[in-house]
Amino acid sequence: EDNYFSLNFSDTYFSSDNCKKIGYIREDIEKKHSNETINFRERAILITSLIYAMDGIANTVGHYDAFRINGDLKKELILRMPDLPHNSINTNNKIYKEDANSLVTEISADLVYIDPPYNSRQYSDAYHLLENVAEWKKPKVYGVAKKMDRSNIKSKYCTTSASKQFEDLISKISAKYILVSYNNTGTRGASRSQAKISDSDIIAILSEKGRVEVFETDFNQFTTGKTKMDNHKERLFLCHVGEKSKKYENLETINEFVKSPLNYTGGKHKLLSQLIEKFPNKIETFVDLFGGGFNVGVNVKADKIIYNDKQKEVARIIKLFKKYTHTQITKKIEKNIEHYGLSNTLENGYKYYQCNSDSGVGNFNKVKYLKMRDDYNNIPGYNEKKDFILLTLIIFSFNNQIRFNGNNFFNMPVGKRDFNNSTRKNVRNFSIALKNKDVEIYSKDFRKINIENFANPFVYCDPPYILGTASYNENDGWTEKDENDLLDYLKKLSDKGIQFALSNVIEHKGMVHNNLKKWVEANYFNIIYLKSNYSNSNYQIKNREQNTREVLITNY
């Protein structure tokens, strides 16, 4: 006769007859256990046998996210005795069914092995039906796939907060070794198949705990046919806890450029591959004369790196990243977020703030952001508390940009994003990459930097562009005199045999930088045209290209 299982699942994953059998058997197991005809262990064995039998005839493609339309439902349900171990099991073994992030605080081990979900495909979606039969709470099911409510068992490792969850887990582990299994799906394939934690994130987080080694092997991923990937690797990350190498584990192992959390119009993150390939192969001292967000300097291979930026407030933030761990920086930012009541979409999502990703959280944050901005501008002098407030302001500002008015007050309006997963990743990787370099930080006018004090220097300049009206170049921030002084400064360096590379714009919105062209021609310097795109510099601009020609000028 019909029962819970047949009424809900007939002619989906199983035939109607098999559904009646499954429902009857599962109900009978529960009755026998209730009246003590069978004990707990016998109940577990029978349920295991039933689940194996079901899985062997299910009309699926390997999981229960969907069933085959017009599939084969004629297979017979046959229960068999599971192949149970006898004396091979260590009776000291323990099995838990808990949140790993909570359980780990109660366990100390020699080796902790971690194999978290890789992507947004929730295990509870794939195996909901088997979980339903195992628990036998007879929940209401819905949708074509007949899924029950799984909100209480959804894994955060399948969401945008995966990196944060992983970082929390690793920080709590008490062990000699941590072994993490993860594949290199990255951003390839269908969106649901893309890895939620990048290789660089894993290395960055584990490096806080100890020395990291990376191993990899070929891996044939299960796929339903929508995702096809070649060179698919399963990666093992082994952390030797407490074994700190001289430097942080190098993120260049994963071949990713680090992105600064400080955004400038014209920032060079998207141009890094074009720039760095034009730099000398061997650099002893790299001088980033107009450091800004430090996208270039932090990614360059050099024995020593000099960061300089005239804006003292920005240079002080770079010092924070050198002094504090990314965990300490994150906690300081979170403390400011909590203090001012700003949004936290990573924890709560956009719906909580009555908005969506497109509209953003600007309306929710505006008043709170302006209060924080006023507080910052009214704090006299310089101190680290003020520096961390500025860093929080930048994260919540329009396009994460930096701008000060003539009175040196920070005046960027609120943006539509907050301290989301992407920004947290940038904070983490930037902090670790910076500590992996030998960096000296200055805040001087470029004319006061004596390049000859540095050993075999190579000078990179990314000054404000005289043809632009970027946020850093308002209120006469960069004049024609500054531009001419810089060109003279570089000419003198060249005369002394010091190599340089200058980023600039030759054409912009119909204007031509004729003085720069003449200077290049007169001194027989090289001009390299770059493929630039600053489409994110202001998302109110309708025509973002408008014939901007960015160049790299070199004397070598």
Protein backbone atom coordinates (compact mmCIF):
# COMPACT_ATOMS: atom_id res chain seq x y z
CA GLU A 1 0.00 0.00 0.00
CA ASP A 2 1.01 3.63 -0.40
CA ASN A 3 3.17 5.21 2.26
CA TYR A 4 5.25 8.37 2.79
CA PHE A 5 7.90 7.34 0.28
CA SER A 6 5.60 6.15 -2.50
CA LEU A 7 3.31 9.17 -2.19
CA ASN A 8 6.25 11.54 -2.65
CA PHE A 9 8.74 9.72 -4.90
CA SER A 10 6.82 7.33 -7.19
CA ASP A 11 8.10 7.22 -10.78
CA THR A 12 10.93 9.68 -10.15
CA TYR A 13 14.14 8.07 -8.92
CA PHE A 14 12.35 4.71 -8.50
CA SER A 15 9.25 2.98 -9.82
CA SER A 16 6.01 3.18 -7.87
CA ASP A 17 6.34 -0.46 -6.75
CA ASN A 18 9.91 0.02 -5.56
CA CYS A 19 8.90 3.20 -3.72
CA LYS A 20 6.21 1.24 -1.84
CA LYS A 21 8.81 -1.38 -0.91
CA ILE A 22 11.33 1.23 0.23
CA GLY A 23 8.74 3.05 2.34
CA TYR A 24 7.44 -0.19 3.88
CA ILE A 25 10.93 -1.55 4.70
CA ARG A 26 12.12 1.72 6.23
CA GLU A 27 8.99 2.04 8.35
CA ASP A 28 9.26 -1.57 9.47
CA ILE A 29 12.89 -1.07 10.55
CA GLU A 30 11.81 1.84 12.71
CA LYS A 31 8.94 -0.13 14.28
CA LYS A 32 11.18 -3.09 15.09
CA HIS A 33 13.69 -0.79 16.76
CA SER A 34 10.99 0.99 18.73
CA ASN A 35 9.61 -2.27 20.16
CA GLU A 36 13.20 -3.50 20.77
CA THR A 37 12.97 -6.40 18.32
CA ILE A 38 16.29 -5.14 16.93
CA ASN A 39 19.02 -3.13 18.64
CA PHE A 40 20.68 0.10 17.53
CA ARG A 41 23.49 -1.66 15.64
CA GLU A 42 21.08 -3.97 13.80
CA ARG A 43 18.94 -0.98 12.88
CA ALA A 44 22.02 0.76 11.43
CA ILE A 45 22.98 -2.34 9.41
CA LEU A 46 19.47 -2.67 7.93
CA ILE A 47 19.28 1.02 6.99
CA THR A 48 22.73 0.74 5.38
CA SER A 49 21.60 -2.28 3.38
CA LEU A 50 18.49 -0.43 2.20
CA ILE A 51 20.45 2.67 1.14
CA TYR A 52 22.99 0.58 -0.80
CA ALA A 53 20.12 -1.25 -2.54
CA MET A 54 18.41 2.03 -3.44
CA ASP A 55 21.57 3.64 -4.76
CA GLY A 56 22.25 0.61 -6.96
CA ILE A 57 18.99 0.99 -8.93
CA ALA A 58 18.32 4.74 -8.72
CA ASN A 59 17.30 6.54 -11.91
CA THR A 60 20.01 9.21 -11.61
CA VAL A 61 23.31 10.34 -13.09
CA GLY A 62 25.16 9.58 -9.87
CA HIS A 63 23.46 12.01 -7.50
CA TYR A 64 19.95 13.07 -6.51
CA ASP A 65 20.01 16.66 -7.71
CA ALA A 66 17.75 15.42 -10.53
CA PHE A 67 16.39 12.21 -12.05
CA ARG A 68 16.31 11.03 -15.65
CA ILE A 69 13.10 11.73 -17.55
CA ASN A 70 11.83 8.47 -19.09
CA GLY A 71 14.65 6.61 -17.35
CA ASP A 72 14.82 2.89 -16.57
CA LEU A 73 12.60 2.17 -13.54
CA LYS A 74 12.38 -1.60 -14.01
CA LYS A 75 15.35 -2.59 -11.85
CA GLU A 76 14.50 -4.75 -8.86
CA LEU A 77 15.19 -3.66 -5.30
CA ILE A 78 17.35 -6.30 -3.60
CA LEU A 79 18.72 -5.96 -0.08
CA ARG A 80 22.02 -7.65 0.68
CA MET A 81 24.03 -8.04 3.83
CA PRO A 82 26.73 -5.35 3.91
CA ASP A 83 30.31 -6.56 3.98
CA LEU A 84 30.91 -5.72 7.62
CA PRO A 85 34.40 -5.60 9.14
CA HIS A 86 35.22 -8.02 11.91
CA ASN A 87 38.48 -7.49 13.74
CA SER A 88 40.00 -4.92 11.36
CA ILE A 89 38.41 -1.90 13.02
CA ASN A 90 40.26 -0.08 15.80
CA THR A 91 37.75 0.17 18.62
CA ASN A 92 39.41 3.40 19.75
CA ASN A 93 38.18 5.14 16.59
CA LYS A 94 35.56 7.82 17.09
CA ILE A 95 32.96 9.10 14.63
CA TYR A 96 31.35 12.52 14.94
CA LYS A 97 28.51 14.29 13.18
CA GLU A 98 29.28 17.91 13.96
CA ASP A 99 30.29 21.17 12.37
CA ALA A 100 34.03 20.79 11.77
CA ASN A 101 34.70 24.39 12.78
CA SER A 102 33.20 23.66 16.21
CA LEU A 103 34.52 20.13 16.64
CA VAL A 104 38.13 21.08 15.95
CA THR A 105 38.37 23.01 19.22
CA GLU A 106 37.85 19.75 21.15
CA ILE A 107 40.48 17.68 19.32
CA SER A 108 44.27 17.54 19.42
CA ALA A 109 46.01 15.36 16.83
CA ASP A 110 49.25 14.50 15.08
CA LEU A 111 47.67 14.87 11.64
CA VAL A 112 44.44 16.60 10.64
CA TYR A 113 43.13 15.77 7.15
CA ILE A 114 40.66 18.17 5.55
CA ASP A 115 38.65 17.47 2.39
CA PRO A 116 36.05 20.27 2.23
CA PRO A 117 33.49 20.85 -0.54
CA TYR A 118 35.17 22.45 -3.57
CA ASN A 119 32.37 24.46 -5.13
CA SER A 120 28.80 25.70 -4.77
CA ARG A 121 27.28 22.23 -5.29
CA GLN A 122 25.92 21.42 -1.84
CA TYR A 123 26.21 17.80 -0.73
CA SER A 124 22.77 18.15 0.83
CA ASP A 125 21.36 18.88 -2.64
CA ALA A 126 23.08 15.88 -4.18
CA TYR A 127 22.17 13.34 -1.48
CA HIS A 128 19.00 14.74 0.09
CA LEU A 129 16.97 11.62 -0.71
CA LEU A 130 19.38 9.25 1.03
CA GLU A 131 19.53 11.60 4.02
CA ASN A 132 15.74 11.62 4.09
CA VAL A 133 15.62 7.82 4.25
CA ALA A 134 18.42 7.62 6.82
CA GLU A 135 16.78 10.05 9.23
CA TRP A 136 13.18 9.08 8.44
CA LYS A 137 11.62 12.24 9.82
CA LYS A 138 9.22 12.29 6.85
CA PRO A 139 9.63 15.96 5.98
CA LYS A 140 7.62 17.78 3.36
CA VAL A 141 9.33 17.68 -0.05
CA TYR A 142 8.98 20.13 -2.92
CA GLY A 143 10.10 20.84 -6.47
CA VAL A 144 10.73 18.47 -9.35
CA ALA A 145 13.65 16.84 -7.52
CA LYS A 146 11.51 16.30 -4.39
CA LYS A 147 13.92 17.94 -1.98
CA MET A 148 13.28 18.55 1.68
CA ASP A 149 14.25 21.71 3.57
CA ARG A 150 18.05 21.52 3.84
CA SER A 151 18.81 24.97 5.21
CA ASN A 152 20.06 23.57 8.52
CA ILE A 153 22.67 21.37 6.82
CA LYS A 154 23.89 23.74 4.10
CA SER A 155 27.68 24.08 4.15
CA LYS A 156 29.25 27.53 4.25
CA TYR A 157 32.19 26.00 2.40
CA CYS A 158 29.96 26.08 -0.70
CA THR A 159 29.31 29.83 -0.39
CA THR A 160 31.25 33.05 -0.87
CA SER A 161 32.28 32.88 2.79
CA ALA A 162 34.23 29.65 2.19
CA SER A 163 37.62 31.30 2.61
CA LYS A 164 36.57 32.88 5.89
CA GLN A 165 35.26 29.53 7.17
CA PHE A 166 38.47 27.81 6.12
CA GLU A 167 40.58 30.45 7.83
CA ASP A 168 38.55 30.07 11.02
CA LEU A 169 38.96 26.27 10.89
CA ILE A 170 42.72 26.35 10.35
CA SER A 171 43.26 28.91 13.12
CA LYS A 172 41.63 26.57 15.66
CA ILE A 173 43.50 23.37 14.75
CA SER A 174 45.87 21.84 17.30
CA ALA A 175 48.07 19.41 15.35
CA LYS A 176 51.61 18.74 14.14
CA TYR A 177 50.52 18.53 10.51
CA ILE A 178 47.53 19.74 8.50
CA LEU A 179 46.82 18.06 5.14
CA VAL A 180 44.27 19.74 2.87
CA SER A 181 42.86 18.15 -0.29
CA TYR A 182 41.50 20.58 -2.88
CA ASN A 183 41.28 20.66 -6.67
CA ASN A 184 42.35 23.39 -9.08
CA THR A 185 38.97 24.10 -10.71
CA GLY A 186 39.56 27.78 -9.97
CA THR A 187 37.31 29.95 -12.15
CA ARG A 188 37.08 27.44 -15.00
CA GLY A 189 33.99 25.51 -16.03
CA ALA A 190 30.36 26.21 -15.13
CA SER A 191 29.87 28.72 -12.30
CA ARG A 192 28.59 26.06 -9.90
CA SER A 193 31.74 24.02 -10.53
CA GLN A 194 34.21 26.81 -9.80
CA ALA A 195 36.32 26.48 -6.67
CA LYS A 196 35.22 28.62 -3.74
CA ILE A 197 38.71 28.83 -2.24
CA SER A 198 41.63 29.72 -4.47
CA ASP A 199 45.02 28.05 -4.22
CA SER A 200 46.56 31.34 -3.14
CA ASP A 201 43.96 31.66 -0.35
CA ILE A 202 44.75 28.15 0.91
CA ILE A 203 48.49 28.81 0.92
CA ALA A 204 48.03 32.22 2.54
CA ILE A 205 45.88 30.81 5.34
CA LEU A 206 48.04 27.74 5.96
CA SER A 207 51.20 29.87 5.90
CA GLU A 208 49.93 31.65 9.00
CA LYS A 209 50.12 28.28 10.75
CA GLY A 210 53.44 26.96 9.44
CA ARG A 211 55.54 25.93 6.45
CA VAL A 212 53.52 24.79 3.42
CA GLU A 213 54.31 22.24 0.72
CA VAL A 214 52.10 21.68 -2.34
CA PHE A 215 51.67 18.35 -4.13
CA GLU A 216 49.39 17.59 -7.06
CA THR A 217 48.08 14.66 -9.07
CA ASP A 218 45.78 14.24 -12.06
CA PHE A 219 42.12 14.10 -11.09
CA ASN A 220 39.13 12.93 -13.15
CA GLN A 221 36.25 14.98 -11.85
CA PHE A 222 32.69 13.70 -11.98
CA THR A 223 30.67 15.83 -14.39
CA THR A 224 27.14 15.83 -15.73
CA GLY A 225 28.42 16.97 -19.11
CA LYS A 226 28.18 20.76 -18.84
CA THR A 227 31.69 21.22 -17.54
CA LYS A 228 34.74 20.00 -19.44
CA MET A 229 38.19 20.75 -18.11
CA ASP A 230 41.62 19.59 -19.21
CA ASN A 231 44.67 19.41 -16.95
CA HIS A 232 42.45 19.02 -13.93
CA LYS A 233 44.52 18.52 -10.78
CA GLU A 234 43.83 17.39 -7.25
CA ARG A 235 46.09 19.33 -4.93
CA LEU A 236 47.41 18.39 -1.51
CA PHE A 237 48.60 21.18 0.76
CA LEU A 238 50.75 19.96 3.64
CA CYS A 239 51.32 22.39 6.51
CA HIS A 240 54.16 21.69 8.94
CA VAL A 241 52.63 23.50 11.92
CA GLY A 242 55.00 25.80 13.76
CA GLU A 243 57.77 25.55 11.16
CA LYS A 244 58.04 29.12 10.02
CA SER A 245 60.30 29.67 7.04
CA LYS A 246 62.32 32.87 6.79
CA LYS A 247 59.63 34.31 4.56
CA TYR A 248 55.98 33.59 4.07
CA GLU A 249 55.22 30.82 1.60
CA ASN A 250 55.53 32.51 -1.77
CA LEU A 251 52.23 33.16 -3.52
CA GLU A 252 54.07 33.19 -6.86
CA THR A 253 54.05 29.40 -6.58
CA ILE A 254 50.44 29.60 -7.76
CA ASN A 255 51.20 32.19 -10.45
CA GLU A 256 48.63 34.76 -9.33
CA PHE A 257 49.15 38.50 -9.05
CA VAL A 258 48.19 39.97 -5.70
CA LYS A 259 45.66 42.80 -5.80
CA SER A 260 45.90 45.71 -3.40
CA PRO A 261 42.76 46.52 -1.37
CA LEU A 262 43.55 50.19 -2.04
CA ASN A 263 42.09 51.28 -5.35
CA TYR A 264 43.28 54.19 -7.45
CA THR A 265 41.86 55.32 -10.75
CA GLY A 266 44.47 54.05 -13.16
CA GLY A 267 45.72 51.40 -10.74
CA LYS A 268 47.95 48.92 -12.51
CA HIS A 269 46.64 45.53 -11.36
CA LYS A 270 45.09 44.71 -14.74
CA LEU A 271 48.27 45.77 -16.54
CA LEU A 272 50.72 43.85 -14.36
CA SER A 273 51.46 41.10 -16.86
CA GLN A 274 52.20 43.68 -19.57
CA LEU A 275 54.35 45.82 -17.28
CA ILE A 276 56.41 43.18 -15.52
CA GLU A 277 57.37 41.44 -18.74
CA LYS A 278 58.91 44.75 -19.85
CA PHE A 279 60.92 45.22 -16.64
CA PRO A 280 64.53 43.99 -16.38
CA ASN A 281 64.85 40.29 -15.57
CA LYS A 282 67.12 40.87 -12.59
CA ILE A 283 66.31 43.75 -10.22
CA GLU A 284 68.32 44.43 -7.08
CA THR A 285 66.39 47.46 -5.79
CA PHE A 286 62.96 48.26 -7.20
CA VAL A 287 61.92 51.85 -6.48
CA ASP A 288 58.15 52.42 -6.70
CA LEU A 289 58.38 56.21 -6.72
CA PHE A 290 54.60 56.85 -6.80
CA GLY A 291 53.54 53.74 -4.87
CA GLY A 292 49.83 54.48 -4.42
CA GLY A 293 48.02 51.22 -3.74
CA PHE A 294 51.31 49.32 -4.31
CA ASN A 295 49.90 46.97 -6.95
CA VAL A 296 53.13 47.00 -8.93
CA GLY A 297 55.79 46.92 -6.22
CA VAL A 298 54.21 44.13 -4.21
CA ASN A 299 54.21 41.86 -7.29
CA VAL A 300 57.72 42.54 -8.54
CA LYS A 301 60.62 40.16 -7.97
CA ALA A 302 63.49 42.16 -6.49
CA ASP A 303 66.01 41.83 -3.67
CA LYS A 304 64.70 45.03 -2.11
CA ILE A 305 61.66 47.21 -2.78
CA ILE A 306 61.29 50.90 -2.00
CA TYR A 307 57.73 52.20 -1.62
CA ASN A 308 57.17 55.93 -1.74
CA ASP A 309 54.01 58.00 -1.87
CA LYS A 310 53.65 61.67 -1.04
CA GLN A 311 50.20 61.05 0.50
CA LYS A 312 51.22 60.33 4.10
CA GLU A 313 47.87 58.76 4.95
CA VAL A 314 48.23 56.11 2.23
CA ALA A 315 51.83 55.33 3.15
CA ARG A 316 50.72 54.78 6.76
CA ILE A 317 48.17 52.20 5.60
CA ILE A 318 50.89 50.35 3.68
CA LYS A 319 52.84 50.30 6.96
CA LEU A 320 49.85 48.65 8.66
CA PHE A 321 50.01 45.81 6.16
CA LYS A 322 53.72 45.40 6.84
CA LYS A 323 53.35 45.48 10.64
CA TYR A 324 50.19 43.45 11.29
CA THR A 325 49.04 40.00 10.17
CA HIS A 326 46.07 39.88 7.86
CA THR A 327 44.04 38.32 10.70
CA GLN A 328 44.79 41.29 12.96
CA ILE A 329 43.94 43.73 10.17
CA THR A 330 40.66 41.94 9.44
CA LYS A 331 39.65 42.03 13.11
CA LYS A 332 40.37 45.76 13.30
CA ILE A 333 38.20 46.40 10.25
CA GLU A 334 35.42 44.18 11.62
CA LYS A 335 35.56 46.09 14.91
CA ASN A 336 35.00 49.37 13.04
CA ILE A 337 32.16 47.80 11.04
CA GLU A 338 30.46 46.70 14.24
CA HIS A 339 31.07 50.03 15.97
CA TYR A 340 29.43 52.05 13.20
CA GLY A 341 26.73 49.48 12.37
CA LEU A 342 27.84 49.03 8.75
CA SER A 343 26.65 46.15 6.56
CA ASN A 344 28.18 42.68 6.52
CA THR A 345 26.85 40.94 3.41
CA LEU A 346 29.31 38.08 3.79
CA GLU A 347 27.49 37.01 6.95
CA ASN A 348 23.96 38.22 6.25
CA GLY A 349 23.59 38.46 2.46
CA TYR A 350 22.05 41.37 0.54
CA LYS A 351 18.43 40.50 1.25
CA TYR A 352 18.97 41.20 4.94
CA TYR A 353 19.66 44.83 4.01
CA GLN A 354 16.64 44.99 1.66
CA CYS A 355 18.75 45.22 -1.48
CA ASN A 356 20.49 43.04 -4.05
CA SER A 357 23.99 42.79 -5.45
CA ASP A 358 23.24 45.17 -8.34
CA SER A 359 21.88 47.98 -6.17
CA GLY A 360 24.34 47.33 -3.36
CA VAL A 361 24.33 48.40 0.28
CA GLY A 362 25.07 52.10 -0.26
CA ASN A 363 21.67 53.28 0.95
CA PHE A 364 21.94 51.21 4.13
CA ASN A 365 25.47 52.40 4.88
CA LYS A 366 25.29 56.05 3.84
CA VAL A 367 24.48 57.72 7.17
CA LYS A 368 26.75 55.38 9.12
CA TYR A 369 29.56 55.88 6.63
CA LEU A 370 29.30 59.68 6.81
CA LYS A 371 29.47 59.49 10.61
CA MET A 372 32.64 57.40 10.36
CA ARG A 373 34.07 59.81 7.78
CA ASP A 374 33.35 62.83 10.00
CA ASP A 375 34.94 61.08 12.97
CA TYR A 376 38.04 60.35 10.92
CA ASN A 377 38.40 63.89 9.63
CA ASN A 378 38.04 65.32 13.16
CA ILE A 379 40.78 63.16 14.73
CA PRO A 380 43.89 65.37 15.01
CA GLY A 381 47.31 64.17 13.94
CA TYR A 382 48.19 60.59 13.09
CA ASN A 383 47.73 57.34 15.00
CA GLU A 384 47.02 53.72 14.10
CA LYS A 385 43.40 53.88 15.27
CA LYS A 386 42.85 56.67 12.76
CA ASP A 387 44.72 54.68 10.10
CA PHE A 388 42.43 51.68 10.55
CA ILE A 389 39.36 53.92 10.32
CA LEU A 390 40.69 55.26 7.02
CA LEU A 391 41.25 51.72 5.76
CA THR A 392 37.64 50.88 6.68
CA LEU A 393 36.44 54.05 4.93
CA ILE A 394 38.31 53.10 1.76
CA ILE A 395 36.74 49.63 1.78
CA PHE A 396 33.24 51.15 2.03
CA SER A 397 33.90 54.14 -0.25
CA PHE A 398 32.84 54.59 -3.85
CA ASN A 399 34.86 52.08 -5.89
CA ASN A 400 37.22 51.71 -2.89
CA GLN A 401 38.91 54.90 -4.01
CA ILE A 402 41.01 57.42 -2.09
CA ARG A 403 40.53 61.20 -2.26
CA PHE A 404 41.37 64.10 0.02
CA ASN A 405 40.22 67.71 -0.49
CA GLY A 406 42.30 70.87 -0.16
CA ASN A 407 41.95 70.76 3.63
CA ASN A 408 43.24 67.17 3.62
CA PHE A 409 39.82 65.81 4.59
CA PHE A 410 38.85 62.44 3.16
CA ASN A 411 35.79 63.17 1.02
CA MET A 412 34.91 60.08 -1.02
CA PRO A 413 31.16 59.23 -0.95
CA VAL A 414 29.85 55.87 0.17
CA GLY A 415 30.04 52.97 -2.30
CA LYS A 416 27.71 50.05 -2.88
CA ARG A 417 30.02 47.31 -1.61
CA ASP A 418 31.29 46.35 1.84
CA PHE A 419 33.95 44.09 3.37
CA ASN A 420 32.97 41.21 1.11
CA ASN A 421 34.79 38.00 0.29
CA SER A 422 36.72 39.53 -2.60
CA THR A 423 38.04 42.40 -0.48
CA ARG A 424 38.91 40.07 2.39
CA LYS A 425 40.92 37.96 -0.03
CA ASN A 426 42.77 41.06 -1.24
CA VAL A 427 43.54 42.08 2.35
CA ARG A 428 44.85 38.62 3.16
CA ASN A 429 47.00 38.07 0.09
CA PHE A 430 48.32 41.63 -0.03
CA SER A 431 49.35 41.47 3.63
CA ILE A 432 51.18 38.17 3.19
CA ALA A 433 52.81 39.13 -0.12
CA LEU A 434 54.08 42.39 1.34
CA LYS A 435 55.63 40.56 4.30
CA ASN A 436 57.25 38.21 1.80
CA LYS A 437 59.24 41.15 0.44
CA ASP A 438 62.03 43.28 1.85
CA VAL A 439 60.15 46.60 1.73
CA GLU A 440 61.11 50.07 2.94
CA ILE A 441 58.31 52.65 3.10
CA TYR A 442 58.73 56.39 2.53
CA SER A 443 56.36 59.33 2.23
CA LYS A 444 58.21 62.11 0.45
CA ASP A 445 57.91 64.33 -2.56
CA PHE A 446 59.63 62.44 -5.37
CA ARG A 447 62.15 65.28 -5.76
CA LYS A 448 63.47 64.53 -2.27
CA ILE A 449 64.17 60.86 -2.97
CA ASN A 450 67.87 60.35 -3.72
CA ILE A 451 67.84 57.29 -5.94
CA GLU A 452 71.62 56.96 -5.80
CA ASN A 453 71.36 55.94 -2.14
CA PHE A 454 69.94 52.58 -3.23
CA ALA A 455 71.93 49.64 -4.55
CA ASN A 456 71.60 49.18 -8.33
CA PRO A 457 68.16 50.81 -8.46
CA PHE A 458 65.48 50.35 -11.10
CA VAL A 459 62.93 53.16 -10.89
CA TYR A 460 59.27 52.73 -11.78
CA CYS A 461 57.03 55.80 -11.94
CA ASP A 462 53.26 55.88 -12.14
CA PRO A 463 52.54 59.56 -11.45
CA PRO A 464 49.18 61.31 -11.65
CA TYR A 465 48.35 61.86 -15.30
CA ILE A 466 48.32 65.46 -16.43
CA LEU A 467 45.69 64.57 -19.05
CA GLY A 468 43.35 63.01 -16.49
CA THR A 469 40.99 64.29 -13.81
CA ALA A 470 41.28 61.29 -11.52
CA SER A 471 40.38 61.59 -7.85
CA TYR A 472 44.05 61.87 -6.84
CA ASN A 473 44.62 64.73 -9.28
CA GLU A 474 41.90 67.11 -8.08
CA ASN A 475 42.58 70.45 -6.35
CA ASP A 476 45.75 70.97 -8.41
CA GLY A 477 47.27 67.80 -7.04
CA TRP A 478 49.55 67.40 -10.06
CA THR A 479 50.63 70.43 -12.08
CA GLU A 480 52.56 71.01 -15.29
CA LYS A 481 55.53 72.00 -13.14
CA ASP A 482 55.36 68.64 -11.35
CA GLU A 483 55.20 66.89 -14.71
CA ASN A 484 58.19 68.76 -16.10
CA ASP A 485 60.18 68.26 -12.90
CA LEU A 486 59.56 64.52 -13.10
CA LEU A 487 60.72 64.36 -16.72
CA ASP A 488 63.89 66.29 -15.80
CA TYR A 489 64.38 63.99 -12.79
CA LEU A 490 64.18 60.89 -14.99
CA LYS A 491 66.48 62.40 -17.62
CA LYS A 492 69.14 62.97 -14.94
CA LEU A 493 68.76 59.38 -13.72
CA SER A 494 69.19 58.14 -17.28
CA ASP A 495 72.33 60.24 -17.72
CA LYS A 496 73.76 58.47 -14.65
CA GLY A 497 73.05 55.06 -16.13
CA ILE A 498 70.03 54.32 -13.90
CA GLN A 499 67.23 52.43 -15.64
CA PHE A 500 63.63 53.63 -15.35
CA ALA A 501 60.13 52.86 -16.61
CA LEU A 502 57.44 55.52 -16.71
CA SER A 503 53.71 54.85 -17.00
CA ASN A 504 51.73 57.65 -18.58
CA VAL A 505 48.99 58.57 -21.03
CA ILE A 506 49.81 59.92 -24.49
CA GLU A 507 46.20 60.57 -25.57
CA HIS A 508 43.01 61.00 -23.57
CA LYS A 509 39.59 62.24 -24.69
CA GLY A 510 41.00 63.91 -27.78
CA MET A 511 43.90 65.57 -25.94
CA VAL A 512 47.53 64.73 -26.79
CA HIS A 513 50.46 64.91 -24.37
CA ASN A 514 52.78 66.64 -26.84
CA ASN A 515 55.43 67.55 -24.26
CA LEU A 516 55.81 63.90 -23.32
CA LYS A 517 56.10 62.87 -26.96
CA LYS A 518 58.78 65.47 -27.61
CA TRP A 519 60.69 64.44 -24.47
CA VAL A 520 60.70 60.78 -25.55
CA GLU A 521 61.87 61.62 -29.07
CA ALA A 522 64.54 64.08 -27.93
CA ASN A 523 66.12 61.55 -25.58
CA TYR A 524 65.68 58.49 -27.78
CA PHE A 525 63.66 56.68 -25.13
CA ASN A 526 61.40 53.74 -25.95
CA ILE A 527 57.63 53.99 -25.97
CA ILE A 528 55.49 50.88 -25.53
CA TYR A 529 51.73 51.08 -26.07
CA LEU A 530 49.66 49.10 -23.56
CA LYS A 531 46.19 47.61 -23.71
CA SER A 532 44.55 49.52 -20.88
CA ASN A 533 41.05 49.34 -19.47
CA TYR A 534 39.82 51.44 -16.58
CA SER A 535 36.16 50.57 -17.00
CA ASN A 536 35.75 50.34 -13.23
CA SER A 537 37.16 53.78 -12.49
CA ASN A 538 33.70 55.31 -12.55
CA TYR A 539 30.61 53.28 -13.32
CA GLN A 540 28.67 56.39 -14.30
CA ILE A 541 30.82 57.00 -17.38
CA LYS A 542 28.91 56.00 -20.49
CA ASN A 543 31.83 55.73 -22.92
CA ARG A 544 34.69 54.24 -20.92
CA GLU A 545 37.21 53.89 -23.72
CA GLN A 546 37.17 57.29 -25.51
CA ASN A 547 40.56 56.80 -27.16
CA THR A 548 42.81 56.64 -24.09
CA ARG A 549 46.29 55.45 -25.08
CA GLU A 550 48.41 54.39 -22.13
CA VAL A 551 52.12 53.83 -22.56
CA LEU A 552 55.21 52.59 -20.79
CA ILE A 553 58.32 54.65 -21.50
CA THR A 554 61.73 53.12 -20.82
CA ASN A 555 65.37 54.13 -21.24
CA TYR A 556 66.60 50.58 -21.83
